[in-house]
Protein backbone atom coordinates (compact mmCIF):
# COMPACT_ATOMS: atom_id res chain seq x y z
CA MET A 1 -28.44 16.39 -1.64
CA ASP A 2 -28.61 12.71 -2.44
CA ASP A 3 -31.92 10.95 -2.09
CA VAL A 4 -32.01 8.71 0.98
CA ARG A 5 -34.53 6.06 -0.04
CA GLU A 6 -34.48 4.21 3.24
CA PRO A 7 -33.85 5.62 6.71
CA LEU A 8 -30.32 5.23 7.95
CA PRO A 9 -30.01 3.10 11.09
CA PRO A 10 -28.47 4.52 14.26
CA PRO A 11 -25.76 5.75 14.65
CA TYR A 12 -25.50 6.48 10.90
CA ASP A 13 -28.55 8.74 11.03
CA ARG A 14 -26.82 11.00 13.57
CA VAL A 15 -23.56 10.96 11.62
CA HIS A 16 -25.41 11.85 8.41
CA ALA A 17 -27.10 14.83 10.07
CA ALA A 18 -23.79 16.05 11.51
CA LEU A 19 -22.00 15.65 8.18
CA LEU A 20 -24.65 17.72 6.43
CA GLY A 21 -23.97 20.45 8.97
CA THR A 22 -20.27 20.59 8.11
CA LEU A 23 -19.91 19.56 4.45
CA PRO A 24 -21.73 20.41 1.22
CA PRO A 25 -24.58 17.90 0.71
CA ALA A 26 -23.18 16.86 -2.69
CA ARG A 27 -20.15 15.40 -0.91
CA VAL A 28 -22.20 13.26 1.49
CA VAL A 29 -23.33 10.29 -0.59
CA THR A 30 -26.27 8.16 0.54
CA ASP A 31 -27.72 7.12 -2.82
CA PRO A 32 -27.83 3.28 -2.88
CA LEU A 33 -26.35 2.90 -6.37
CA ARG A 34 -23.48 5.28 -5.75
CA ARG A 35 -22.75 3.63 -2.39
CA LEU A 36 -22.68 0.25 -4.13
CA THR A 37 -20.03 1.48 -6.56
CA TRP A 38 -17.85 2.70 -3.69
CA GLY A 39 -18.10 -0.75 -2.06
CA THR A 40 -16.83 -2.60 -5.13
CA ASP A 41 -13.21 -3.48 -5.70
CA ALA A 42 -11.19 -6.39 -7.08
CA SER A 43 -11.68 -8.60 -4.01
CA PHE A 44 -14.17 -11.41 -3.46
CA TYR A 45 -16.05 -9.39 -0.85
CA ARG A 46 -18.62 -6.67 -1.28
CA LEU A 47 -19.35 -4.37 1.60
CA VAL A 48 -21.72 -1.53 0.82
CA PRO A 49 -21.03 1.52 2.97
CA LYS A 50 -23.94 3.28 4.67
CA ILE A 51 -22.50 6.72 3.85
CA VAL A 52 -19.67 7.83 1.57
CA VAL A 53 -17.96 11.13 2.32
CA VAL A 54 -15.90 12.83 -0.38
CA VAL A 55 -13.21 14.80 1.42
CA GLU A 56 -10.92 17.40 -0.10
CA ASP A 57 -8.02 17.52 2.33
CA GLU A 58 -6.44 16.00 5.41
CA GLN A 59 -8.23 18.41 7.76
CA GLU A 60 -11.60 17.17 6.50
CA VAL A 61 -10.52 13.56 7.07
CA VAL A 62 -9.62 14.43 10.67
CA ARG A 63 -12.97 16.20 11.18
CA VAL A 64 -15.00 13.34 9.70
CA LEU A 65 -13.17 10.72 11.76
CA ALA A 66 -13.64 12.76 14.95
CA LEU A 67 -17.33 13.24 14.15
CA CYS A 68 -17.76 9.48 13.68
CA ALA A 69 -15.79 8.61 16.81
CA ALA A 70 -17.88 11.00 18.90
CA ARG A 71 -21.00 9.13 17.74
CA ALA A 72 -19.52 5.62 18.10
CA CYS A 73 -19.84 5.01 14.36
CA PRO A 74 -17.32 3.11 12.23
């Protein structure tokens, strides 16, 4: 599992716990440096995500979105 160096704020803490219950920990990214890389693109803006989830198929996308919606988390 990735090293969470700082506690995740609500509701991300609850989402993180639920994700770890459904996906392999290696696919739930909370490491600050890796999150920074996922928040970088060719635009002028940089938004660093709180959690990055690496999904393998459409069903996992549906599950992750439902899990987030149930916890009022973007």
